[in-house]
Amino acid sequence: MGSIGLPDKDSPDIHLAVATKEELLAQQNANSEEWRGVLPAEAYVRRETYLYSQELTKDDGMTPWVLVYQPDRNGPRQILCGCESIRKRALIARDGEIEDVTSHGVCSVFCSPDKRGRGYAGRMMKDMAQTMEHWQAENGKSSPFSILFSDIGKDFYALRGWQAFPSAHVSVPALPTTTPASVRLLKSEDIAELCALDEKLIRQRLSKLNSSNRIAVAIVPDHATIAWHHARDDFVANELYGKTPTVKGVMIGDKPGSRIWMYFTRVWTYLQEDSPNTLHVLRLVIEDESLSDFSPASPAAADKLEDTEVVHAIAACLQVAQSEAALWDMKEVTIWNPTSATLAAARSLDPKAAVVEREHESIASLNWYGDGSLKDIDWVCNEKYGWC
């Protein structure tokens, strides 16, 4: 036994388990002080319950986990720490072949202050790494990878199997502006069709990646995923303002094959947090394949693109995002892992805009269970929609 009556992290009486409804509620109440943001604790718990009912997460799409101490397997169990996992549709591309797979996003890792420093979270994540490979396997087919987004840097999760991947972003300030005449504001009813088209485009582009020694993986930005973010957004807005945002994104162009669009989500942060209220671009879609690629932003390449049509179009979309951000008390608009065209568009709106490499928060991390090495993996479309 450890100090204060708590067990050693390697005790045989500790195991990972799916939380009961009562245990989940206990965890939500425990972590509310740190994660509720601008919401009162009671509203935060209601939000979490509401999010479990969404298309993405219902019917066991989201699973609550607890690491428990239970000396008697038929007796009561003590929660040491907890987390959650979300089932996600994903794609793997090798040698031009596309495979549909199930992945899992691990999130909400929390250990109450009185139990920290004893290695429980590390033990839980070690057990989670093993469990996620086979969790909810369909027809005996295991998951080839799981993901998470670390807010405690890169090392802790890397030691348990989740290696850090590029986690960059570019931001522009919130700013009330006139909506450009060329744009179409996207509403909830527009999203499902666009998500289906986006998935088709991703499949086409992944099928053309023919490198024999590289494996590309992508979380599918399907309607269930985007709608989950919007449900989270709507709940908080309704609590704060008594209304929900009607603008879910923006599109420029009306000719199929040459349109550009993006989806938004708004995040209000707690006053004590370092991060400001931020409107995040969940996903940027460029239909024209010749104008879209998976390459990260390069300042030199951005310079060459600054007067191009695609940059002007992305900038017009970002202008709408800036205006929406200002309308909802956001301080900035952020887009993850931008391309050179996106960087050029951001610079056209704010000359100081630059790519920032995140080192401590929202570090995209991936645990690879499949054939080959993690060094052979390219995580494409690694944008905010994949966050959980």
Protein backbone atom coordinates (compact mmCIF):
# COMPACT_ATOMS: atom_id res chain seq x y z
CA MET A 1 0.00 0.00 0.00
CA GLY A 2 1.11 3.56 -0.69
CA SER A 3 0.79 6.50 1.68
CA ILE A 4 -2.56 7.73 3.04
CA GLY A 5 -4.16 4.37 2.39
CA LEU A 6 -3.79 4.54 -1.37
CA PRO A 7 -2.40 1.55 -3.32
CA ASP A 8 0.82 1.37 -5.25
CA LYS A 9 0.28 1.98 -8.98
CA ASP A 10 1.45 -1.56 -9.77
CA SER A 11 -0.92 -3.21 -7.34
CA PRO A 12 -2.66 -6.32 -8.77
CA ASP A 13 -5.87 -4.93 -7.28
CA ILE A 14 -5.86 -2.01 -9.74
CA HIS A 15 -7.50 -2.39 -13.13
CA LEU A 16 -9.05 -0.41 -15.96
CA ALA A 17 -12.84 -0.57 -16.25
CA VAL A 18 -15.74 1.02 -18.08
CA ALA A 19 -17.26 3.54 -15.70
CA THR A 20 -20.78 3.16 -14.39
CA LYS A 21 -23.17 6.10 -14.74
CA GLU A 22 -22.50 7.00 -11.13
CA GLU A 23 -18.72 6.84 -11.59
CA LEU A 24 -18.92 8.97 -14.74
CA LEU A 25 -20.95 11.60 -12.90
CA ALA A 26 -18.44 11.57 -10.06
CA GLN A 27 -15.60 12.15 -12.52
CA GLN A 28 -17.45 14.98 -14.25
CA ASN A 29 -18.12 16.70 -10.95
CA ALA A 30 -14.49 16.22 -9.93
CA ASN A 31 -13.01 17.64 -13.14
CA SER A 32 -15.54 20.46 -13.52
CA GLU A 33 -13.45 22.91 -11.52
CA GLU A 34 -10.62 22.66 -14.05
CA TRP A 35 -12.56 22.11 -17.28
CA ARG A 36 -15.89 23.90 -17.00
CA GLY A 37 -14.53 27.07 -18.61
CA VAL A 38 -17.10 29.86 -18.39
CA LEU A 39 -19.88 27.47 -17.38
CA PRO A 40 -21.07 26.94 -13.82
CA ALA A 41 -20.29 23.41 -12.61
CA GLU A 42 -23.93 22.35 -12.91
CA ALA A 43 -24.15 23.53 -16.53
CA TYR A 44 -20.83 21.87 -17.36
CA VAL A 45 -22.14 18.50 -16.20
CA ARG A 46 -25.30 19.04 -18.25
CA ARG A 47 -23.17 19.82 -21.29
CA GLU A 48 -21.16 16.65 -20.89
CA THR A 49 -24.36 14.60 -20.57
CA TYR A 50 -25.75 16.32 -23.67
CA LEU A 51 -22.62 15.55 -25.67
CA TYR A 52 -22.99 11.84 -24.89
CA SER A 53 -26.31 11.92 -26.77
CA GLN A 54 -24.92 13.16 -30.10
CA GLU A 55 -24.74 11.06 -33.26
CA LEU A 56 -20.99 10.62 -32.88
CA THR A 57 -21.08 9.55 -29.27
CA LYS A 58 -24.40 7.77 -28.67
CA ASP A 59 -24.80 3.98 -28.81
CA ASP A 60 -21.39 3.49 -27.15
CA GLY A 61 -19.66 5.86 -29.56
CA MET A 62 -18.15 7.39 -26.43
CA THR A 63 -16.89 5.26 -23.56
CA PRO A 64 -16.08 6.49 -20.03
CA TRP A 65 -13.11 4.75 -18.40
CA VAL A 66 -11.86 4.61 -14.82
CA LEU A 67 -8.79 3.15 -13.21
CA VAL A 68 -10.08 1.54 -10.04
CA TYR A 69 -8.72 -0.02 -6.88
CA GLN A 70 -10.80 -3.09 -6.02
CA PRO A 71 -9.24 -5.59 -3.61
CA ASP A 72 -12.44 -7.66 -3.75
CA ARG A 73 -13.62 -8.07 -7.35
CA ASN A 74 -17.17 -8.44 -6.05
CA GLY A 75 -16.87 -5.50 -3.67
CA PRO A 76 -16.83 -1.72 -4.02
CA ARG A 77 -14.17 -0.01 -6.11
CA GLN A 78 -12.33 3.26 -5.58
CA ILE A 79 -11.74 5.56 -8.55
CA LEU A 80 -8.08 6.56 -8.92
CA CYS A 81 -8.38 8.47 -12.20
CA GLY A 82 -10.38 8.40 -15.40
CA CYS A 83 -10.63 9.26 -19.10
CA GLU A 84 -12.90 8.77 -22.12
CA SER A 85 -12.59 7.41 -25.63
CA ILE A 86 -14.54 8.34 -28.76
CA ARG A 87 -14.95 5.95 -31.66
CA LYS A 88 -13.90 7.59 -34.92
CA ARG A 89 -14.10 6.55 -38.55
CA ALA A 90 -10.70 6.70 -40.17
CA LEU A 91 -8.89 5.97 -43.42
CA ILE A 92 -5.50 4.44 -44.13
CA ALA A 93 -3.78 4.82 -47.50
CA ARG A 94 -0.91 2.59 -48.67
CA ASP A 95 0.28 2.25 -52.22
CA GLY A 96 -2.87 3.83 -53.59
CA GLU A 97 -5.21 1.52 -51.68
CA ILE A 98 -7.69 2.97 -49.18
CA GLU A 99 -8.79 1.02 -46.10
CA ASP A 100 -11.69 2.00 -43.85
CA VAL A 101 -10.82 1.45 -40.21
CA THR A 102 -12.03 2.28 -36.73
CA SER A 103 -9.87 4.49 -34.58
CA HIS A 104 -10.36 5.92 -31.11
CA GLY A 105 -9.68 9.36 -29.69
CA VAL A 106 -8.65 9.30 -26.04
CA CYS A 107 -9.66 12.37 -24.07
CA SER A 108 -10.69 13.81 -20.69
CA VAL A 109 -7.72 12.32 -18.82
CA PHE A 110 -8.17 13.42 -15.22
CA CYS A 111 -6.79 12.54 -11.81
CA SER A 112 -8.09 14.40 -8.77
CA PRO A 113 -5.46 16.50 -6.95
CA ASP A 114 -5.45 14.27 -3.85
CA LYS A 115 -4.37 11.27 -5.96
CA ARG A 116 -1.77 12.92 -8.17
CA GLY A 117 1.93 12.16 -8.03
CA ARG A 118 1.45 8.42 -7.49
CA GLY A 119 1.65 7.26 -11.10
CA TYR A 120 -2.03 6.41 -11.53
CA ALA A 121 -2.52 8.41 -14.73
CA GLY A 122 0.56 6.80 -16.25
CA ARG A 123 -0.71 3.35 -15.30
CA MET A 124 -4.12 4.12 -16.78
CA MET A 125 -2.66 5.36 -20.07
CA LYS A 126 -0.45 2.30 -20.34
CA ASP A 127 -3.55 0.13 -19.94
CA MET A 128 -5.52 2.33 -22.35
CA ALA A 129 -2.83 1.98 -25.01
CA GLN A 130 -3.26 -1.78 -24.92
CA THR A 131 -7.05 -1.65 -24.68
CA MET A 132 -7.65 0.74 -27.58
CA GLU A 133 -6.10 -1.61 -30.12
CA HIS A 134 -8.91 -4.11 -29.68
CA TRP A 135 -11.72 -2.00 -28.23
CA GLN A 136 -14.99 -2.23 -30.18
CA ALA A 137 -13.28 -4.31 -32.85
CA GLU A 138 -15.68 -5.15 -35.67
CA ASN A 139 -15.54 -8.65 -37.14
CA GLY A 140 -12.36 -9.27 -35.17
CA LYS A 141 -10.58 -6.40 -36.94
CA SER A 142 -8.53 -4.38 -34.47
CA SER A 143 -7.90 -0.63 -34.62
CA PRO A 144 -4.60 0.27 -36.28
CA PHE A 145 -4.16 3.51 -34.33
CA SER A 146 -5.56 5.80 -31.65
CA ILE A 147 -5.09 9.52 -31.12
CA LEU A 148 -5.16 12.11 -28.37
CA PHE A 149 -4.42 15.80 -27.92
CA SER A 150 -2.08 16.51 -25.05
CA ASP A 151 -2.32 19.64 -22.90
CA ILE A 152 0.72 18.65 -20.82
CA GLY A 153 3.41 18.69 -23.47
CA LYS A 154 4.85 15.87 -25.53
CA ASP A 155 6.69 13.59 -23.12
CA PHE A 156 4.08 12.06 -20.79
CA TYR A 157 1.96 10.46 -23.50
CA ALA A 158 4.94 9.62 -25.71
CA LEU A 159 6.24 7.36 -22.94
CA ARG A 160 2.93 5.46 -23.14
CA GLY A 161 2.92 5.11 -26.93
CA TRP A 162 1.32 8.31 -28.29
CA GLN A 163 4.00 10.13 -30.24
CA ALA A 164 3.67 13.84 -30.97
CA PHE A 165 2.87 14.87 -34.56
CA PRO A 166 3.06 18.34 -36.13
CA SER A 167 0.86 20.68 -34.10
CA ALA A 168 1.02 24.09 -35.71
CA HIS A 169 -1.47 26.88 -36.23
CA VAL A 170 -1.84 30.39 -37.57
CA SER A 171 -4.13 33.01 -36.06
CA VAL A 172 -5.70 36.32 -37.07
CA PRO A 173 -7.47 38.70 -34.69
CA ALA A 174 -11.23 38.87 -34.31
CA LEU A 175 -12.45 41.89 -36.22
CA PRO A 176 -15.89 43.21 -37.16
CA THR A 177 -15.89 43.36 -40.95
CA THR A 178 -18.33 43.57 -43.81
CA THR A 179 -19.20 40.16 -45.21
CA PRO A 180 -17.76 39.92 -48.73
CA ALA A 181 -20.50 39.71 -51.36
CA SER A 182 -18.92 36.60 -52.87
CA VAL A 183 -19.43 34.37 -49.82
CA ARG A 184 -22.25 32.12 -48.71
CA LEU A 185 -22.85 31.67 -45.01
CA LEU A 186 -23.27 27.99 -44.12
CA LYS A 187 -26.09 26.88 -41.84
CA SER A 188 -26.67 23.58 -40.04
CA GLU A 189 -28.71 22.19 -42.94
CA ASP A 190 -25.79 22.68 -45.33
CA ILE A 191 -23.22 20.66 -43.44
CA ALA A 192 -24.16 17.01 -44.07
CA GLU A 193 -23.94 17.24 -47.86
CA LEU A 194 -20.63 19.10 -47.73
CA CYS A 195 -19.14 16.57 -45.31
CA ALA A 196 -20.07 13.72 -47.65
CA LEU A 197 -18.42 15.53 -50.55
CA ASP A 198 -15.34 16.29 -48.47
CA GLU A 199 -14.93 12.61 -47.60
CA LYS A 200 -15.15 11.71 -51.28
CA LEU A 201 -12.44 14.26 -52.10
CA ILE A 202 -10.16 12.96 -49.35
CA ARG A 203 -10.52 9.40 -50.61
CA GLN A 204 -9.64 10.49 -54.13
CA ARG A 205 -6.55 12.35 -52.99
CA LEU A 206 -5.36 9.61 -50.67
CA SER A 207 -5.68 7.06 -53.49
CA LYS A 208 -3.10 9.03 -55.46
CA LEU A 209 -0.45 8.77 -52.75
CA ASN A 210 1.69 5.96 -54.12
CA SER A 211 4.80 6.13 -51.96
CA SER A 212 5.80 2.55 -51.21
CA ASN A 213 7.35 3.35 -47.84
CA ARG A 214 4.77 5.80 -46.41
CA ILE A 215 1.38 5.23 -44.81
CA ALA A 216 -1.16 8.08 -44.67
CA VAL A 217 -3.87 8.12 -42.02
CA ALA A 218 -6.80 10.49 -41.65
CA ILE A 219 -9.74 10.88 -39.32
CA VAL A 220 -12.86 11.21 -41.48
CA PRO A 221 -14.43 14.70 -41.15
CA ASP A 222 -17.93 13.25 -41.41
CA HIS A 223 -21.15 14.96 -40.43
CA ALA A 224 -21.33 13.22 -37.05
CA THR A 225 -17.91 14.63 -36.14
CA ILE A 226 -18.61 18.19 -37.26
CA ALA A 227 -22.07 18.15 -35.65
CA TRP A 228 -20.54 17.08 -32.31
CA HIS A 229 -18.38 20.21 -32.30
CA HIS A 230 -21.36 22.36 -33.24
CA ALA A 231 -23.46 20.80 -30.46
CA ARG A 232 -20.75 21.72 -27.96
CA ASP A 233 -20.61 25.23 -29.40
CA ASP A 234 -24.40 25.63 -29.32
CA PHE A 235 -24.78 24.45 -25.74
CA VAL A 236 -22.29 26.94 -24.32
CA ALA A 237 -23.61 29.82 -26.45
CA ASN A 238 -27.14 29.14 -25.29
CA GLU A 239 -26.03 29.12 -21.65
CA LEU A 240 -24.14 32.40 -22.04
CA TYR A 241 -26.32 34.34 -24.46
CA GLY A 242 -29.67 32.57 -24.58
CA LYS A 243 -29.24 31.87 -28.29
CA THR A 244 -27.13 29.70 -30.58
CA PRO A 245 -24.92 30.64 -33.54
CA THR A 246 -26.65 30.23 -36.89
CA VAL A 247 -23.47 30.60 -38.95
CA LYS A 248 -21.62 27.27 -38.92
CA GLY A 249 -19.14 28.11 -41.66
CA VAL A 250 -18.63 29.91 -44.94
CA MET A 251 -18.23 29.04 -48.63
CA ILE A 252 -16.86 31.00 -51.56
CA GLY A 253 -17.78 30.11 -55.12
CA ASP A 254 -20.91 28.46 -56.46
CA LYS A 255 -19.55 26.18 -59.15
CA PRO A 256 -19.03 22.57 -57.97
CA GLY A 257 -15.41 21.59 -58.35
CA SER A 258 -14.03 25.06 -57.68
CA ARG A 259 -15.54 25.98 -54.31
CA ILE A 260 -13.74 26.60 -51.03
CA TRP A 261 -15.39 26.29 -47.64
CA MET A 262 -14.67 26.02 -43.94
CA TYR A 263 -16.56 25.10 -40.78
CA PHE A 264 -16.24 26.96 -37.46
CA THR A 265 -16.50 26.23 -33.77
CA ARG A 266 -16.32 28.73 -30.92
CA VAL A 267 -14.50 28.06 -27.65
CA TRP A 268 -15.06 30.25 -24.60
CA THR A 269 -12.36 29.84 -21.98
CA TYR A 270 -12.32 30.32 -18.24
CA LEU A 271 -11.07 33.71 -17.08
CA GLN A 272 -8.10 32.10 -15.33
CA GLU A 273 -6.95 30.24 -18.44
CA ASP A 274 -4.07 31.52 -20.53
CA SER A 275 -5.79 30.84 -23.87
CA PRO A 276 -8.23 33.51 -25.12
CA ASN A 277 -11.73 32.90 -26.45
CA THR A 278 -11.06 31.48 -29.90
CA LEU A 279 -13.05 30.76 -33.02
CA HIS A 280 -11.43 27.64 -34.49
CA VAL A 281 -11.64 26.64 -38.12
CA LEU A 282 -12.63 22.99 -37.84
CA ARG A 283 -11.85 22.12 -41.44
CA LEU A 284 -10.83 23.93 -44.64
CA VAL A 285 -11.88 22.28 -47.90
CA ILE A 286 -10.60 23.24 -51.36
CA GLU A 287 -12.40 21.32 -54.08
CA ASP A 288 -9.88 21.97 -56.84
CA GLU A 289 -7.19 19.35 -56.34
CA SER A 290 -4.60 21.46 -58.15
CA LEU A 291 -4.95 24.10 -55.43
CA SER A 292 -4.94 21.75 -52.45
CA ASP A 293 -2.27 19.54 -50.95
CA PHE A 294 -1.22 17.97 -47.66
CA SER A 295 2.05 19.91 -47.38
CA PRO A 296 2.65 22.10 -44.31
CA ALA A 297 3.00 25.85 -44.67
CA SER A 298 6.27 27.33 -45.86
CA PRO A 299 6.84 31.09 -45.54
CA ALA A 300 8.72 31.10 -48.85
CA ALA A 301 5.91 29.26 -50.64
CA ALA A 302 3.36 31.58 -49.02
CA ASP A 303 5.22 34.57 -50.50
CA LYS A 304 4.83 33.14 -54.01
CA LEU A 305 1.10 32.53 -53.54
CA GLU A 306 0.10 35.86 -52.00
CA ASP A 307 -1.70 37.28 -55.05
CA THR A 308 -3.35 34.08 -56.25
CA GLU A 309 -7.07 33.42 -56.53
CA VAL A 310 -7.01 30.63 -53.95
CA VAL A 311 -5.38 32.91 -51.37
CA HIS A 312 -7.95 35.63 -51.97
CA ALA A 313 -10.73 33.07 -51.55
CA ILE A 314 -9.35 31.70 -48.28
CA ALA A 315 -8.87 35.25 -47.04
CA ALA A 316 -12.51 36.05 -47.81
CA CYS A 317 -13.57 33.02 -45.76
CA LEU A 318 -11.30 34.07 -42.91
CA GLN A 319 -12.80 37.57 -42.98
CA VAL A 320 -16.20 36.06 -42.22
CA ALA A 321 -14.59 34.02 -39.44
CA GLN A 322 -13.08 37.22 -37.99
CA SER A 323 -16.46 38.91 -37.98
CA GLU A 324 -18.17 35.89 -36.39
CA ALA A 325 -15.43 35.77 -33.78
CA ALA A 326 -15.99 39.40 -32.85
CA LEU A 327 -19.76 38.89 -32.71
CA TRP A 328 -19.37 36.10 -30.12
CA ASP A 329 -16.71 37.74 -27.94
CA MET A 330 -13.83 35.77 -29.40
CA LYS A 331 -10.34 37.29 -29.47
CA GLU A 332 -8.92 35.43 -32.46
CA VAL A 333 -9.47 33.00 -35.30
CA THR A 334 -7.16 30.00 -35.45
CA ILE A 335 -6.62 27.35 -38.10
CA TRP A 336 -4.53 24.24 -37.41
CA ASN A 337 -1.68 22.91 -39.55
CA PRO A 338 -2.14 25.49 -42.31
CA THR A 339 -0.96 25.10 -45.87
CA SER A 340 1.15 27.77 -47.56
CA ALA A 341 -1.97 29.20 -49.21
CA THR A 342 -3.67 29.50 -45.82
CA LEU A 343 -0.62 31.21 -44.34
CA ALA A 344 -0.58 33.67 -47.24
CA ALA A 345 -4.29 34.38 -46.71
CA ALA A 346 -3.75 35.00 -42.99
CA ARG A 347 -0.86 37.35 -43.76
CA SER A 348 -3.07 39.32 -46.16
CA LEU A 349 -5.40 40.02 -43.22
CA ASP A 350 -2.71 40.46 -40.59
CA PRO A 351 0.89 41.02 -41.73
CA LYS A 352 2.10 39.71 -38.35
CA ALA A 353 0.41 36.32 -38.84
CA ALA A 354 2.90 33.47 -38.54
CA VAL A 355 2.92 29.74 -38.04
CA VAL A 356 3.17 28.82 -34.35
CA GLU A 357 4.36 25.38 -33.28
CA ARG A 358 2.48 24.32 -30.15
CA GLU A 359 4.70 22.77 -27.50
CA HIS A 360 2.39 22.40 -24.53
CA GLU A 361 -1.32 22.49 -25.50
CA SER A 362 -3.37 20.49 -28.02
CA ILE A 363 -0.39 18.42 -29.11
CA ALA A 364 -1.69 16.00 -31.73
CA SER A 365 -0.40 12.54 -30.74
CA LEU A 366 -0.83 9.14 -32.36
CA ASN A 367 -0.30 5.58 -31.18
CA TRP A 368 0.27 3.18 -34.08
CA TYR A 369 -0.65 -0.49 -33.66
CA GLY A 370 -0.48 -1.56 -37.29
CA ASP A 371 2.27 -2.97 -39.47
CA GLY A 372 5.33 -0.85 -40.04
CA SER A 373 6.90 1.86 -37.93
CA LEU A 374 5.39 5.01 -36.52
CA LYS A 375 8.12 6.84 -38.42
CA ASP A 376 6.41 5.74 -41.65
CA ILE A 377 3.10 7.42 -40.78
CA ASP A 378 1.81 10.69 -42.24
CA TRP A 379 -1.23 12.06 -40.40
CA VAL A 380 -3.05 14.11 -43.02
CA CYS A 381 -6.03 16.46 -42.59
CA ASN A 382 -4.87 16.93 -39.01
CA GLU A 383 -7.18 19.83 -38.30
CA LYS A 384 -9.28 20.96 -35.36
CA TYR A 385 -12.24 18.72 -36.28
CA GLY A 386 -10.24 15.70 -35.10
CA TRP A 387 -9.80 17.13 -31.60
CA CYS A 388 -11.65 15.47 -28.75
